[in-house]
C-alpha cells in the first residue's frame, strides 16, 4: 500500500514520492509536504475505509506542525518536518483546523 510505504509517501506525504529521481525534501514543488495535499490524502483514506491509516497520518500531520511552535508554515520538509516557505501561513492553518474539526475518527 503506497500510503504506508517509506519508499513512496510514508510518513510525511511528500508531493513527489521519496524514490522519485525528481524528489528533493525541501524543494518548493518536488518533495516537500504541503498540508492541503496531506489533508486530502487523510480524508480520502478515511472515506475509502482506511480509517486506521487516516488516523495515523492525521496524528503525524498534527505532531509535525506542533513541533514548529513559533509559526505555521507554507510547507514542510518531508524528511525533517522543518517549516519552510512563508511563516504565519493562513492556508496551512486552515488545513490544521480542518484536520482537527472534520476528522472525527
Protein backbone atom coordinates (compact mmCIF):
# COMPACT_ATOMS: atom_id res chain seq x y z
CA UNK A 1 0.00 0.00 0.00
CA UNK A 2 1.59 3.27 -1.16
CA UNK A 3 0.45 5.38 1.78
CA UNK A 4 2.37 3.09 4.18
CA UNK A 5 5.47 2.73 2.04
CA UNK A 6 8.58 4.57 3.33
CA UNK A 7 9.94 4.40 -0.23
CA UNK A 8 6.88 6.22 -1.58
CA UNK A 9 4.96 8.55 0.75
CA UNK A 10 5.11 7.43 4.38
CA UNK A 11 5.22 9.11 6.84
CA UNK A 12 5.18 12.72 5.62
CA UNK A 13 3.17 12.51 2.37
CA UNK A 14 5.67 14.38 0.16
CA UNK A 15 4.42 15.99 -3.04
CA UNK A 16 6.70 13.65 -5.03
CA UNK A 17 7.44 10.10 -3.86
CA UNK A 18 10.64 9.60 -1.89
CA UNK A 19 12.00 7.24 -4.55
CA UNK A 20 11.41 9.59 -7.49
CA UNK A 21 14.54 10.92 -9.24
CA UNK A 22 12.91 14.37 -9.05
CA UNK A 23 12.45 14.22 -5.24
CA UNK A 24 14.09 16.84 -3.02
CA UNK A 25 12.82 17.18 0.55
CA UNK A 26 12.86 20.97 0.68
CA UNK A 27 12.40 21.93 -2.98
CA UNK A 28 9.29 24.05 -3.45
CA UNK A 29 7.41 21.62 -5.72
CA UNK A 30 9.35 18.36 -5.84
CA UNK A 31 9.11 16.72 -2.48
CA UNK A 32 8.08 18.86 0.46
CA UNK A 33 4.97 18.26 2.49
CA UNK A 34 2.01 20.54 1.82
CA UNK A 35 -0.78 20.46 4.40
CA UNK A 36 -3.57 20.82 1.85
CA UNK A 37 -2.40 17.71 -0.02
CA UNK A 38 -1.83 15.82 3.22
CA UNK A 39 -5.33 16.71 4.44
CA UNK A 40 -6.96 15.37 1.27
CA UNK A 41 -4.94 12.16 1.49
CA UNK A 42 -6.15 11.69 5.08
CA UNK A 43 -9.77 12.36 4.15
CA UNK A 44 -9.57 10.12 1.07
CA UNK A 45 -8.13 7.25 3.07
CA UNK A 46 -10.88 7.65 5.65
CA UNK A 47 -13.63 7.87 3.02
CA UNK A 48 -12.41 4.67 1.36
CA UNK A 49 -12.37 2.71 4.61
CA UNK A 50 -8.73 3.05 5.61
CA UNK A 51 -9.56 4.79 8.88
CA UNK A 52 -6.61 3.37 10.82
CA UNK A 53 -4.15 4.71 8.27
CA UNK A 54 -6.01 8.04 8.11
CA UNK A 55 -5.85 8.40 11.89
CA UNK A 56 -2.14 7.58 11.91
CA UNK A 57 -1.39 10.16 9.21
CA UNK A 58 -3.59 12.74 10.92
CA UNK A 59 -1.58 12.34 14.12
CA UNK A 60 1.71 12.63 12.21
CA UNK A 61 0.46 15.81 10.49
CA UNK A 62 -0.61 17.44 13.75
CA UNK A 63 2.54 16.45 15.65
CA UNK A 64 4.74 17.73 12.81
CA UNK A 65 3.03 21.12 12.92
CA UNK A 66 3.11 21.17 16.72
CA UNK A 67 6.92 20.83 16.73
CA UNK A 68 7.17 24.20 14.99
CA UNK A 69 5.95 26.24 17.97
CA UNK A 70 6.73 29.68 16.57
CA UNK A 71 4.69 29.58 13.34
CA UNK A 72 2.57 27.65 10.89
CA UNK A 73 4.44 27.39 7.62
CA UNK A 74 3.57 27.33 3.95
CA UNK A 75 5.08 23.84 3.55
CA UNK A 76 7.33 21.44 5.47
CA UNK A 77 10.49 19.47 4.80
CA UNK A 78 9.24 15.93 4.16
CA UNK A 79 12.19 14.34 5.98
CA UNK A 80 12.79 16.58 9.00
CA UNK A 81 9.38 18.25 9.38
CA UNK A 82 11.07 21.67 9.44
CA UNK A 83 8.73 24.52 8.50
CA UNK A 84 9.64 26.14 5.17
CA UNK A 85 8.41 28.99 2.99
CA UNK A 86 6.22 31.74 4.36
CA UNK A 87 5.54 31.85 8.09
CA UNK A 88 2.11 32.59 9.58
CA UNK A 89 0.61 30.96 6.51
CA UNK A 90 -3.17 31.05 6.82
CA UNK A 91 -3.84 28.42 4.13
CA UNK A 92 -1.85 25.88 6.14
CA UNK A 93 -3.62 26.99 9.31
CA UNK A 94 -6.96 26.26 7.65
CA UNK A 95 -5.92 22.66 6.99
CA UNK A 96 -4.74 22.19 10.56
CA UNK A 97 -8.13 23.44 11.78
CA UNK A 98 -9.97 21.26 9.24
CA UNK A 99 -7.94 18.24 10.32
CA UNK A 100 -8.89 18.81 13.95
CA UNK A 101 -12.55 19.67 13.38
CA UNK A 102 -13.57 17.42 10.48
CA UNK A 103 -11.73 14.21 11.10
CA UNK A 104 -13.83 12.67 13.81
CA UNK A 105 -12.28 9.21 13.59
